[in-house]
Amino acid sequence: MNSRLIVETALASDPTITPEQKERILAGYESPEKKQPRMLTRIQVAERLQVHPGSVKRFDQRGILTPVRITPRVVRYCENEVDALLKNRG
């Protein structure tokens, strides 16, 4: 049972909560399609692709992967993009 369903059930059983309050509470629960993709470190990407972390750095320099710069020295990679690269490589 997912958490949204649990909250909906609890809200339905509480007569003191107004419909507007229920909508506002449930608006905080996003559908799975709207979830932010998981971000991976360079080391995590290297482990998934079974390459050296330096290769991952070269991949982003060549435009194969798109890094998300958190700070000038910290980068993350979108899990979906890494998975797509794995599928195309295989």
N, C-alpha and C. Protein backbone atom coordinates (compact mmCIF):
# COMPACT_ATOMS: atom_id res chain seq x y z
N MET A 1 0.85 -1.17 0.00
CA MET A 1 0.00 0.00 0.00
C MET A 1 0.90 1.24 0.00
N ASN A 2 0.63 2.18 -0.94
CA ASN A 2 1.50 3.34 -0.99
C ASN A 2 1.07 4.41 0.01
N SER A 3 1.96 5.34 0.26
CA SER A 3 1.71 6.33 1.31
C SER A 3 0.54 7.26 0.97
N ARG A 4 0.36 7.59 -0.32
CA ARG A 4 -0.76 8.46 -0.69
C ARG A 4 -2.10 7.80 -0.36
N LEU A 5 -2.20 6.52 -0.64
CA LEU A 5 -3.43 5.78 -0.36
C LEU A 5 -3.72 5.74 1.14
N ILE A 6 -2.68 5.57 1.93
CA ILE A 6 -2.83 5.57 3.38
C ILE A 6 -3.35 6.91 3.87
N VAL A 7 -2.77 7.99 3.34
CA VAL A 7 -3.20 9.33 3.73
C VAL A 7 -4.63 9.58 3.29
N GLU A 8 -4.98 9.18 2.06
CA GLU A 8 -6.35 9.35 1.58
C GLU A 8 -7.34 8.63 2.48
N THR A 9 -7.01 7.43 2.89
CA THR A 9 -7.88 6.65 3.77
C THR A 9 -8.05 7.34 5.12
N ALA A 10 -6.95 7.84 5.65
CA ALA A 10 -7.01 8.54 6.94
C ALA A 10 -7.84 9.82 6.83
N LEU A 11 -7.69 10.55 5.74
CA LEU A 11 -8.45 11.79 5.55
C LEU A 11 -9.93 11.52 5.38
N ALA A 12 -10.25 10.43 4.68
CA ALA A 12 -11.65 10.09 4.45
C ALA A 12 -12.36 9.72 5.75
N SER A 13 -11.61 9.18 6.70
CA SER A 13 -12.23 8.76 7.96
C SER A 13 -12.30 9.88 9.00
N ASP A 14 -11.74 11.05 8.69
CA ASP A 14 -11.73 12.17 9.64
C ASP A 14 -12.75 13.21 9.21
N PRO A 15 -13.90 13.30 9.90
CA PRO A 15 -14.95 14.25 9.49
C PRO A 15 -14.61 15.71 9.79
N THR A 16 -13.56 15.97 10.55
CA THR A 16 -13.24 17.36 10.90
C THR A 16 -12.43 18.08 9.82
N ILE A 17 -11.92 17.34 8.85
CA ILE A 17 -11.11 17.95 7.79
C ILE A 17 -12.01 18.34 6.63
N THR A 18 -11.89 19.59 6.19
CA THR A 18 -12.72 20.08 5.08
C THR A 18 -12.17 19.57 3.75
N PRO A 19 -13.00 19.59 2.70
CA PRO A 19 -12.52 19.16 1.38
C PRO A 19 -11.32 19.99 0.90
N GLU A 20 -11.32 21.29 1.21
CA GLU A 20 -10.20 22.15 0.80
C GLU A 20 -8.90 21.71 1.48
N GLN A 21 -9.00 21.37 2.77
CA GLN A 21 -7.83 20.90 3.50
C GLN A 21 -7.33 19.57 2.93
N LYS A 22 -8.27 18.69 2.58
CA LYS A 22 -7.89 17.41 1.99
C LYS A 22 -7.13 17.62 0.69
N GLU A 23 -7.64 18.53 -0.17
CA GLU A 23 -6.97 18.81 -1.44
C GLU A 23 -5.55 19.33 -1.21
N ARG A 24 -5.42 20.24 -0.25
CA ARG A 24 -4.12 20.85 0.03
C ARG A 24 -3.13 19.79 0.55
N ILE A 25 -3.62 18.91 1.41
CA ILE A 25 -2.75 17.85 1.95
C ILE A 25 -2.34 16.89 0.85
N LEU A 26 -3.29 16.47 0.03
CA LEU A 26 -2.99 15.50 -1.03
C LEU A 26 -2.15 16.11 -2.16
N ALA A 27 -2.19 17.42 -2.30
CA ALA A 27 -1.37 18.08 -3.33
C ALA A 27 0.11 17.89 -3.05
N GLY A 28 0.46 17.65 -1.81
CA GLY A 28 1.86 17.41 -1.45
C GLY A 28 2.38 16.06 -1.89
N TYR A 29 1.50 15.17 -2.27
CA TYR A 29 1.91 13.84 -2.72
C TYR A 29 1.90 13.83 -4.24
N GLU A 30 3.09 13.82 -4.84
CA GLU A 30 3.20 13.82 -6.29
C GLU A 30 2.98 12.43 -6.83
N SER A 31 2.53 12.40 -8.06
CA SER A 31 2.39 11.10 -8.72
C SER A 31 3.79 10.62 -9.12
N PRO A 32 3.97 9.32 -9.32
CA PRO A 32 5.29 8.79 -9.66
C PRO A 32 5.90 9.42 -10.91
N GLU A 33 5.08 9.85 -11.87
CA GLU A 33 5.59 10.44 -13.10
C GLU A 33 6.25 11.80 -12.84
N LYS A 34 5.89 12.47 -11.77
CA LYS A 34 6.41 13.80 -11.48
C LYS A 34 7.62 13.79 -10.56
N LYS A 35 8.05 12.61 -10.14
CA LYS A 35 9.18 12.53 -9.22
C LYS A 35 10.45 13.01 -9.90
N GLN A 36 11.30 13.65 -9.13
CA GLN A 36 12.61 14.05 -9.63
C GLN A 36 13.46 12.79 -9.83
N PRO A 37 14.22 12.74 -10.92
CA PRO A 37 15.07 11.58 -11.12
C PRO A 37 16.18 11.54 -10.08
N ARG A 38 16.63 10.37 -9.77
CA ARG A 38 17.70 10.20 -8.80
C ARG A 38 19.01 10.68 -9.43
N MET A 39 19.81 11.37 -8.64
CA MET A 39 21.09 11.87 -9.12
C MET A 39 22.21 10.99 -8.57
N LEU A 40 23.18 10.69 -9.43
CA LEU A 40 24.27 9.79 -9.06
C LEU A 40 25.61 10.53 -9.06
N THR A 41 26.51 10.10 -8.21
CA THR A 41 27.86 10.65 -8.19
C THR A 41 28.67 10.04 -9.34
N ARG A 42 29.83 10.62 -9.60
CA ARG A 42 30.70 10.10 -10.66
C ARG A 42 31.11 8.66 -10.35
N ILE A 43 31.36 8.37 -9.09
CA ILE A 43 31.75 7.00 -8.71
C ILE A 43 30.60 6.02 -8.92
N GLN A 44 29.39 6.42 -8.56
CA GLN A 44 28.23 5.55 -8.76
C GLN A 44 28.00 5.27 -10.25
N VAL A 45 28.19 6.31 -11.07
CA VAL A 45 28.03 6.13 -12.52
C VAL A 45 29.10 5.17 -13.03
N ALA A 46 30.33 5.36 -12.58
CA ALA A 46 31.43 4.49 -13.01
C ALA A 46 31.15 3.03 -12.64
N GLU A 47 30.63 2.81 -11.45
CA GLU A 47 30.30 1.44 -11.04
C GLU A 47 29.22 0.84 -11.93
N ARG A 48 28.20 1.63 -12.24
CA ARG A 48 27.11 1.12 -13.09
C ARG A 48 27.60 0.81 -14.50
N LEU A 49 28.45 1.68 -15.03
CA LEU A 49 28.94 1.49 -16.39
C LEU A 49 30.15 0.57 -16.45
N GLN A 50 30.68 0.21 -15.28
CA GLN A 50 31.85 -0.65 -15.16
C GLN A 50 33.05 -0.03 -15.89
N VAL A 51 33.28 1.26 -15.59
CA VAL A 51 34.42 1.99 -16.14
C VAL A 51 35.10 2.74 -15.01
N HIS A 52 36.24 3.32 -15.30
CA HIS A 52 36.97 4.13 -14.33
C HIS A 52 36.28 5.49 -14.18
N PRO A 53 36.28 6.09 -12.98
CA PRO A 53 35.67 7.42 -12.82
C PRO A 53 36.24 8.47 -13.78
N GLY A 54 37.51 8.33 -14.16
CA GLY A 54 38.08 9.25 -15.15
C GLY A 54 37.39 9.14 -16.50
N SER A 55 36.93 7.94 -16.84
CA SER A 55 36.18 7.75 -18.09
C SER A 55 34.86 8.49 -18.04
N VAL A 56 34.23 8.50 -16.89
CA VAL A 56 32.96 9.22 -16.74
C VAL A 56 33.20 10.71 -16.97
N LYS A 57 34.30 11.22 -16.45
CA LYS A 57 34.64 12.63 -16.66
C LYS A 57 34.84 12.92 -18.15
N ARG A 58 35.51 12.00 -18.85
CA ARG A 58 35.69 12.17 -20.30
C ARG A 58 34.35 12.09 -21.03
N PHE A 59 33.44 11.24 -20.55
CA PHE A 59 32.11 11.15 -21.17
C PHE A 59 31.40 12.50 -21.13
N ASP A 60 31.50 13.19 -19.98
CA ASP A 60 30.81 14.49 -19.91
C ASP A 60 31.56 15.55 -20.72
N GLN A 61 32.88 15.45 -20.84
CA GLN A 61 33.63 16.40 -21.68
C GLN A 61 33.30 16.22 -23.16
N ARG A 62 32.99 14.99 -23.54
CA ARG A 62 32.65 14.69 -24.94
C ARG A 62 31.17 14.83 -25.23
N GLY A 63 30.38 15.13 -24.22
CA GLY A 63 28.94 15.31 -24.42
C GLY A 63 28.13 14.03 -24.38
N ILE A 64 28.75 12.93 -23.97
CA ILE A 64 28.04 11.65 -23.89
C ILE A 64 27.10 11.65 -22.69
N LEU A 65 27.54 12.25 -21.57
CA LEU A 65 26.72 12.42 -20.37
C LEU A 65 26.64 13.91 -20.04
N THR A 66 25.54 14.32 -19.47
CA THR A 66 25.36 15.72 -19.08
C THR A 66 25.51 15.84 -17.57
N PRO A 67 26.57 16.51 -17.11
CA PRO A 67 26.74 16.67 -15.67
C PRO A 67 25.87 17.80 -15.14
N VAL A 68 25.41 17.63 -13.91
CA VAL A 68 24.71 18.70 -13.20
C VAL A 68 25.69 19.20 -12.15
N ARG A 69 26.13 20.43 -12.29
CA ARG A 69 27.12 20.98 -11.38
C ARG A 69 26.45 21.51 -10.12
N ILE A 70 26.78 20.89 -8.98
CA ILE A 70 26.27 21.33 -7.69
C ILE A 70 27.14 22.49 -7.20
N THR A 71 28.43 22.31 -7.27
CA THR A 71 29.43 23.35 -7.01
C THR A 71 30.47 23.18 -8.11
N PRO A 72 31.46 24.06 -8.19
CA PRO A 72 32.46 23.88 -9.25
C PRO A 72 33.16 22.51 -9.22
N ARG A 73 33.27 21.90 -8.04
CA ARG A 73 33.97 20.62 -7.93
C ARG A 73 33.05 19.42 -7.75
N VAL A 74 31.76 19.64 -7.54
CA VAL A 74 30.82 18.55 -7.27
C VAL A 74 29.83 18.43 -8.42
N VAL A 75 29.78 17.26 -9.04
CA VAL A 75 28.85 17.02 -10.13
C VAL A 75 27.99 15.80 -9.84
N ARG A 76 26.83 15.78 -10.43
CA ARG A 76 25.92 14.64 -10.34
C ARG A 76 25.42 14.34 -11.75
N TYR A 77 24.95 13.12 -11.92
CA TYR A 77 24.44 12.68 -13.22
C TYR A 77 23.05 12.10 -13.02
N CYS A 78 22.17 12.37 -13.96
CA CYS A 78 20.79 11.88 -13.90
C CYS A 78 20.79 10.37 -14.13
N GLU A 79 20.15 9.66 -13.20
CA GLU A 79 20.09 8.21 -13.29
C GLU A 79 19.45 7.74 -14.59
N ASN A 80 18.42 8.44 -15.05
CA ASN A 80 17.74 8.06 -16.29
C ASN A 80 18.68 8.13 -17.49
N GLU A 81 19.54 9.17 -17.52
CA GLU A 81 20.48 9.32 -18.61
C GLU A 81 21.54 8.21 -18.59
N VAL A 82 21.99 7.85 -17.40
CA VAL A 82 22.96 6.77 -17.27
C VAL A 82 22.33 5.44 -17.70
N ASP A 83 21.10 5.20 -17.30
CA ASP A 83 20.40 3.97 -17.69
C ASP A 83 20.22 3.90 -19.21
N ALA A 84 19.90 5.05 -19.82
CA ALA A 84 19.74 5.09 -21.28
C ALA A 84 21.06 4.79 -21.98
N LEU A 85 22.15 5.31 -21.43
CA LEU A 85 23.47 5.03 -22.00
C LEU A 85 23.79 3.54 -21.89
N LEU A 86 23.43 2.94 -20.76
CA LEU A 86 23.66 1.51 -20.57
C LEU A 86 22.90 0.68 -21.60
N LYS A 87 21.65 1.06 -21.86
CA LYS A 87 20.83 0.33 -22.84
C LYS A 87 21.42 0.43 -24.24
N ASN A 88 21.90 1.65 -24.58
CA ASN A 88 22.46 1.85 -25.92
C ASN A 88 23.81 1.16 -26.09
N ARG A 89 24.54 1.02 -24.99
CA ARG A 89 25.86 0.37 -25.02
C ARG A 89 25.74 -1.14 -25.19
N GLY A 90 24.69 -1.70 -24.58
CA GLY A 90 24.56 -3.13 -24.47
C GLY A 90 24.25 -3.82 -25.73
